[in-house]
């Protein structure tokens, strides 16, 4: 569980970093999709759903 939480939170950090850059919408969206679809974020997203935690938006960190 600890590894799952760390990996998930790392993906949240990556996405928040993209949002903080104030890029044009199309560039921001493209970068966000690349992060969400790449390893390890894609695996964490699938695990999030399989664990019954709902839809994975990576909008906030999971408390450890």
PDB file of N, CA and C in Angstrom:
ATOM      1  N   UNK A   1       0.829  -1.205   0.000  1.00  0.00           N
ATOM      2  CA  UNK A   1       0.000   0.000   0.000  1.00  0.00           C
ATOM      3  C   UNK A   1       0.867   1.260   0.000  1.00  0.00           C
ATOM      4  N   UNK A   2       1.974   1.206   0.735  1.00  0.00           N
ATOM      5  CA  UNK A   2       2.844   2.378   0.846  1.00  0.00           C
ATOM      6  C   UNK A   2       3.390   2.788  -0.517  1.00  0.00           C
ATOM      7  N   UNK A   3       3.813   1.806  -1.316  1.00  0.00           N
ATOM      8  CA  UNK A   3       4.345   2.101  -2.647  1.00  0.00           C
ATOM      9  C   UNK A   3       3.265   2.704  -3.548  1.00  0.00           C
ATOM     10  N   UNK A   4       2.044   2.175  -3.443  1.00  0.00           N
ATOM     11  CA  UNK A   4       0.921   2.696  -4.220  1.00  0.00           C
ATOM     12  C   UNK A   4       0.694   4.172  -3.902  1.00  0.00           C
ATOM     13  N   UNK A   5       0.656   4.496  -2.617  1.00  0.00           N
ATOM     14  CA  UNK A   5       0.401   5.878  -2.189  1.00  0.00           C
ATOM     15  C   UNK A   5       1.515   6.804  -2.678  1.00  0.00           C
ATOM     16  N   UNK A   6       2.758   6.385  -2.517  1.00  0.00           N
ATOM     17  CA  UNK A   6       3.881   7.222  -2.969  1.00  0.00           C
ATOM     18  C   UNK A   6       3.842   7.460  -4.470  1.00  0.00           C
ATOM     19  N   UNK A   7       3.554   6.412  -5.222  1.00  0.00           N
ATOM     20  CA  UNK A   7       3.505   6.540  -6.678  1.00  0.00           C
ATOM     21  C   UNK A   7       2.345   7.430  -7.096  1.00  0.00           C
ATOM     22  N   UNK A   8       1.185   7.222  -6.488  1.00  0.00           N
ATOM     23  CA  UNK A   8       0.016   8.051  -6.797  1.00  0.00           C
ATOM     24  C   UNK A   8       0.326   9.523  -6.502  1.00  0.00           C
ATOM     25  N   UNK A   9       0.878   9.788  -5.328  1.00  0.00           N
ATOM     26  CA  UNK A   9       1.183  11.164  -4.940  1.00  0.00           C
ATOM     27  C   UNK A   9       2.234  11.788  -5.858  1.00  0.00           C
ATOM     28  N   UNK A  10       3.159  10.982  -6.350  1.00  0.00           N
ATOM     29  CA  UNK A  10       4.152  11.461  -7.310  1.00  0.00           C
ATOM     30  C   UNK A  10       3.474  11.915  -8.604  1.00  0.00           C
ATOM     31  N   UNK A  11       2.482  11.164  -9.042  1.00  0.00           N
ATOM     32  CA  UNK A  11       1.733  11.544 -10.247  1.00  0.00           C
ATOM     33  C   UNK A  11       0.965  12.844 -10.016  1.00  0.00           C
ATOM     34  N   UNK A  12       0.398  12.997  -8.835  1.00  0.00           N
ATOM     35  CA  UNK A  12      -0.303  14.241  -8.492  1.00  0.00           C
ATOM     36  C   UNK A  12       0.676  15.414  -8.557  1.00  0.00           C
ATOM     37  N   UNK A  13       1.878  15.221  -8.008  1.00  0.00           N
ATOM     38  CA  UNK A  13       2.898  16.278  -8.047  1.00  0.00           C
ATOM     39  C   UNK A  13       3.252  16.661  -9.481  1.00  0.00           C
ATOM     40  N   UNK A  14       3.426  15.663 -10.343  1.00  0.00           N
ATOM     41  CA  UNK A  14       3.760  15.929 -11.747  1.00  0.00           C
ATOM     42  C   UNK A  14       2.661  16.748 -12.419  1.00  0.00           C
ATOM     43  N   UNK A  15       1.409  16.383 -12.165  1.00  0.00           N
ATOM     44  CA  UNK A  15       0.292  17.102 -12.785  1.00  0.00           C
ATOM     45  C   UNK A  15       0.153  18.514 -12.222  1.00  0.00           C
ATOM     46  N   UNK A  16       0.374  18.673 -10.919  1.00  0.00           N
ATOM     47  CA  UNK A  16       0.301  20.005 -10.327  1.00  0.00           C
ATOM     48  C   UNK A  16       1.413  20.901 -10.864  1.00  0.00           C
ATOM     49  N   UNK A  17       2.563  20.303 -11.133  1.00  0.00           N
ATOM     50  CA  UNK A  17       3.668  21.056 -11.717  1.00  0.00           C
ATOM     51  C   UNK A  17       3.289  21.591 -13.095  1.00  0.00           C
ATOM     52  N   UNK A  18       2.637  20.774 -13.893  1.00  0.00           N
ATOM     53  CA  UNK A  18       2.186  21.210 -15.220  1.00  0.00           C
ATOM     54  C   UNK A  18       1.179  22.349 -15.078  1.00  0.00           C
ATOM     55  N   UNK A  19       0.235  22.203 -14.151  1.00  0.00           N
ATOM     56  CA  UNK A  19      -0.787  23.244 -13.960  1.00  0.00           C
ATOM     57  C   UNK A  19      -0.171  24.562 -13.501  1.00  0.00           C
ATOM     58  N   UNK A  20       0.877  24.484 -12.691  1.00  0.00           N
ATOM     59  CA  UNK A  20       1.490  25.700 -12.152  1.00  0.00           C
ATOM     60  C   UNK A  20       2.262  26.492 -13.209  1.00  0.00           C
ATOM     61  N   UNK A  21       2.514  25.888 -14.358  1.00  0.00           N
ATOM     62  CA  UNK A  21       3.262  26.564 -15.417  1.00  0.00           C
ATOM     63  C   UNK A  21       2.404  27.549 -16.214  1.00  0.00           C
ATOM     64  N   UNK A  22       1.095  27.528 -15.998  1.00  0.00           N
ATOM     65  CA  UNK A  22       0.172  28.435 -16.697  1.00  0.00           C
ATOM     66  C   UNK A  22       0.365  28.402 -18.214  1.00  0.00           C
ATOM     67  N   UNK A  23       0.402  27.208 -18.746  1.00  0.00           N
ATOM     68  CA  UNK A  23       0.550  27.015 -20.190  1.00  0.00           C
ATOM     69  C   UNK A  23      -0.792  27.234 -20.882  1.00  0.00           C
ATOM     70  N   UNK A  24      -0.769  27.461 -22.194  1.00  0.00           N
ATOM     71  CA  UNK A  24      -2.032  27.496 -22.936  1.00  0.00           C
ATOM     72  C   UNK A  24      -2.776  26.174 -22.733  1.00  0.00           C
ATOM     73  N   UNK A  25      -4.096  26.232 -22.795  1.00  0.00           N
ATOM     74  CA  UNK A  25      -4.921  25.065 -22.478  1.00  0.00           C
ATOM     75  C   UNK A  25      -4.520  23.831 -23.268  1.00  0.00           C
ATOM     76  N   UNK A  26      -4.291  23.974 -24.573  1.00  0.00           N
ATOM     77  CA  UNK A  26      -3.985  22.802 -25.399  1.00  0.00           C
ATOM     78  C   UNK A  26      -2.666  22.146 -25.005  1.00  0.00           C
ATOM     79  N   UNK A  27      -1.646  22.942 -24.699  1.00  0.00           N
ATOM     80  CA  UNK A  27      -0.358  22.381 -24.280  1.00  0.00           C
ATOM     81  C   UNK A  27      -0.470  21.730 -22.908  1.00  0.00           C
ATOM     82  N   UNK A  28      -1.186  22.388 -21.999  1.00  0.00           N
ATOM     83  CA  UNK A  28      -1.373  21.830 -20.660  1.00  0.00           C
ATOM     84  C   UNK A  28      -2.115  20.502 -20.736  1.00  0.00           C
ATOM     85  N   UNK A  29      -3.171  20.467 -21.507  1.00  0.00           N
ATOM     86  CA  UNK A  29      -3.961  19.248 -21.645  1.00  0.00           C
ATOM     87  C   UNK A  29      -3.125  18.112 -22.235  1.00  0.00           C
ATOM     88  N   UNK A  30      -2.328  18.421 -23.239  1.00  0.00           N
ATOM     89  CA  UNK A  30      -1.483  17.402 -23.870  1.00  0.00           C
ATOM     90  C   UNK A  30      -0.477  16.833 -22.871  1.00  0.00           C
ATOM     91  N   UNK A  31       0.179  17.701 -22.112  1.00  0.00           N
ATOM     92  CA  UNK A  31       1.146  17.237 -21.119  1.00  0.00           C
ATOM     93  C   UNK A  31       0.477  16.406 -20.026  1.00  0.00           C
ATOM     94  N   UNK A  32      -0.697  16.841 -19.580  1.00  0.00           N
ATOM     95  CA  UNK A  32      -1.421  16.089 -18.555  1.00  0.00           C
ATOM     96  C   UNK A  32      -1.779  14.695 -19.058  1.00  0.00           C
ATOM     97  N   UNK A  33      -2.247  14.598 -20.290  1.00  0.00           N
ATOM     98  CA  UNK A  33      -2.601  13.294 -20.856  1.00  0.00           C
ATOM     99  C   UNK A  33      -1.372  12.403 -20.998  1.00  0.00           C
ATOM    100  N   UNK A  34      -0.252  12.976 -21.389  1.00  0.00           N
ATOM    101  CA  UNK A  34       0.983  12.195 -21.502  1.00  0.00           C
ATOM    102  C   UNK A  34       1.384  11.614 -20.153  1.00  0.00           C
ATOM    103  N   UNK A  35       1.258  12.405 -19.100  1.00  0.00           N
ATOM    104  CA  UNK A  35       1.596  11.928 -17.757  1.00  0.00           C
ATOM    105  C   UNK A  35       0.637  10.823 -17.334  1.00  0.00           C
ATOM    106  N   UNK A  36      -0.655  11.050 -17.515  1.00  0.00           N
ATOM    107  CA  UNK A  36      -1.659  10.072 -17.087  1.00  0.00           C
ATOM    108  C   UNK A  36      -1.567   8.755 -17.846  1.00  0.00           C
ATOM    109  N   UNK A  37      -1.133   8.807 -19.096  1.00  0.00           N
ATOM    110  CA  UNK A  37      -1.075   7.595 -19.920  1.00  0.00           C
ATOM    111  C   UNK A  37       0.266   6.878 -19.836  1.00  0.00           C
ATOM    112  N   UNK A  38       1.262   7.498 -19.212  1.00  0.00           N
ATOM    113  CA  UNK A  38       2.592   6.899 -19.157  1.00  0.00           C
ATOM    114  C   UNK A  38       2.793   6.122 -17.852  1.00  0.00           C
ATOM    115  N   UNK A  39       3.815   5.257 -17.874  1.00  0.00           N
ATOM    116  CA  UNK A  39       4.202   4.507 -16.684  1.00  0.00           C
ATOM    117  C   UNK A  39       4.856   5.463 -15.706  1.00  0.00           C
ATOM    118  N   UNK A  40       4.619   5.436 -14.442  1.00  0.00           N
ATOM    119  CA  UNK A  40       3.783   4.510 -13.689  1.00  0.00           C
ATOM    120  C   UNK A  40       2.365   5.012 -13.451  1.00  0.00           C
ATOM    121  N   UNK A  41       2.064   6.216 -13.911  1.00  0.00           N
ATOM    122  CA  UNK A  41       0.755   6.808 -13.609  1.00  0.00           C
ATOM    123  C   UNK A  41      -0.404   6.005 -14.195  1.00  0.00           C
ATOM    124  N   UNK A  42      -0.211   5.417 -15.355  1.00  0.00           N
ATOM    125  CA  UNK A  42      -1.290   4.616 -15.946  1.00  0.00           C
ATOM    126  C   UNK A  42      -1.579   3.384 -15.093  1.00  0.00           C
ATOM    127  N   UNK A  43      -0.535   2.766 -14.551  1.00  0.00           N
ATOM    128  CA  UNK A  43      -0.734   1.595 -13.694  1.00  0.00           C
ATOM    129  C   UNK A  43      -1.384   1.985 -12.371  1.00  0.00           C
ATOM    130  N   UNK A  44      -0.977   3.111 -11.830  1.00  0.00           N
ATOM    131  CA  UNK A  44      -1.563   3.579 -10.571  1.00  0.00           C
ATOM    132  C   UNK A  44      -3.037   3.913 -10.773  1.00  0.00           C
ATOM    133  N   UNK A  45      -3.365   4.532 -11.904  1.00  0.00           N
ATOM    134  CA  UNK A  45      -4.763   4.855 -12.202  1.00  0.00           C
ATOM    135  C   UNK A  45      -5.605   3.585 -12.244  1.00  0.00           C
ATOM    136  N   UNK A  46      -5.106   2.552 -12.923  1.00  0.00           N
ATOM    137  CA  UNK A  46      -5.834   1.279 -12.998  1.00  0.00           C
ATOM    138  C   UNK A  46      -5.991   0.650 -11.621  1.00  0.00           C
ATOM    139  N   UNK A  47      -4.931   0.680 -10.816  1.00  0.00           N
ATOM    140  CA  UNK A  47      -4.987   0.113  -9.467  1.00  0.00           C
ATOM    141  C   UNK A  47      -5.979   0.884  -8.596  1.00  0.00           C
ATOM    142  N   UNK A  48      -6.034   2.190  -8.749  1.00  0.00           N
ATOM    143  CA  UNK A  48      -6.950   3.046  -7.994  1.00  0.00           C
ATOM    144  C   UNK A  48      -8.389   2.600  -8.233  1.00  0.00           C
ATOM    145  N   UNK A  49      -8.720   2.383  -9.501  1.00  0.00           N
ATOM    146  CA  UNK A  49     -10.075   1.966  -9.869  1.00  0.00           C
ATOM    147  C   UNK A  49     -10.348   0.544  -9.374  1.00  0.00           C
ATOM    148  N   UNK A  50      -9.387  -0.358  -9.564  1.00  0.00           N
ATOM    149  CA  UNK A  50      -9.572  -1.754  -9.148  1.00  0.00           C
ATOM    150  C   UNK A  50      -9.716  -1.897  -7.641  1.00  0.00           C
ATOM    151  N   UNK A  51      -9.156  -0.981  -6.890  1.00  0.00           N
ATOM    152  CA  UNK A  51      -9.278  -1.005  -5.427  1.00  0.00           C
ATOM    153  C   UNK A  51     -10.625  -0.450  -4.959  1.00  0.00           C
ATOM    154  N   UNK A  52     -11.445  -0.033  -5.901  1.00  0.00           N
ATOM    155  CA  UNK A  52     -12.763   0.485  -5.549  1.00  0.00           C
ATOM    156  C   UNK A  52     -12.729   1.886  -4.982  1.00  0.00           C
ATOM    157  N   UNK A  53     -11.714   2.651  -5.356  1.00  0.00           N
ATOM    158  CA  UNK A  53     -11.560   3.997  -4.812  1.00  0.00           C
ATOM    159  C   UNK A  53     -12.244   5.054  -5.673  1.00  0.00           C
ATOM    160  N   UNK A  54     -12.917   4.619  -6.743  1.00  0.00           N
ATOM    161  CA  UNK A  54     -13.633   5.546  -7.605  1.00  0.00           C
ATOM    162  C   UNK A  54     -12.844   5.893  -8.846  1.00  0.00           C
ATOM    163  N   UNK A  55     -13.224   7.006  -9.468  1.00  0.00           N
ATOM    164  CA  UNK A  55     -12.562   7.488 -10.676  1.00  0.00           C
ATOM    165  C   UNK A  55     -11.291   8.233 -10.280  1.00  0.00           C
ATOM    166  N   UNK A  56     -10.214   7.953 -10.947  1.00  0.00           N
ATOM    167  CA  UNK A  56      -8.909   8.525 -10.605  1.00  0.00           C
ATOM    168  C   UNK A  56      -8.660   9.804 -11.397  1.00  0.00           C
ATOM    169  N   UNK A  57      -8.716  10.946 -10.728  1.00  0.00           N
ATOM    170  CA  UNK A  57      -8.484  12.230 -11.402  1.00  0.00           C
ATOM    171  C   UNK A  57      -7.114  12.820 -11.086  1.00  0.00           C
ATOM    172  N   UNK A  58      -6.421  12.243 -10.129  1.00  0.00           N
ATOM    173  CA  UNK A  58      -5.126  12.776  -9.687  1.00  0.00           C
ATOM    174  C   UNK A  58      -5.256  14.240  -9.255  1.00  0.00           C
ATOM    175  N   UNK A  59      -6.370  14.593  -8.621  1.00  0.00           N
ATOM    176  CA  UNK A  59      -6.555  15.996  -8.240  1.00  0.00           C
ATOM    177  C   UNK A  59      -6.073  16.319  -6.829  1.00  0.00           C
ATOM    178  N   UNK A  60      -5.931  15.307  -5.982  1.00  0.00           N
ATOM    179  CA  UNK A  60      -5.381  15.548  -4.656  1.00  0.00           C
ATOM    180  C   UNK A  60      -4.660  14.310  -4.159  1.00  0.00           C
ATOM    181  N   UNK A  61      -3.691  14.545  -3.278  1.00  0.00           N
ATOM    182  CA  UNK A  61      -2.871  13.454  -2.771  1.00  0.00           C
ATOM    183  C   UNK A  61      -3.661  12.568  -1.811  1.00  0.00           C
ATOM    184  N   UNK A  62      -3.180  11.338  -1.694  1.00  0.00           N
ATOM    185  CA  UNK A  62      -3.729  10.396  -0.721  1.00  0.00           C
ATOM    186  C   UNK A  62      -2.922  10.557   0.556  1.00  0.00           C
ATOM    187  N   UNK A  63      -3.593  10.665   1.674  1.00  0.00           N
ATOM    188  CA  UNK A  63      -2.918  10.781   2.967  1.00  0.00           C
ATOM    189  C   UNK A  63      -2.256   9.456   3.310  1.00  0.00           C
ATOM    190  N   UNK A  64      -1.043   9.519   3.817  1.00  0.00           N
ATOM    191  CA  UNK A  64      -0.324   8.293   4.187  1.00  0.00           C
ATOM    192  C   UNK A  64      -0.712   7.829   5.566  1.00  0.00           C
TER     193      UNK A  64
END
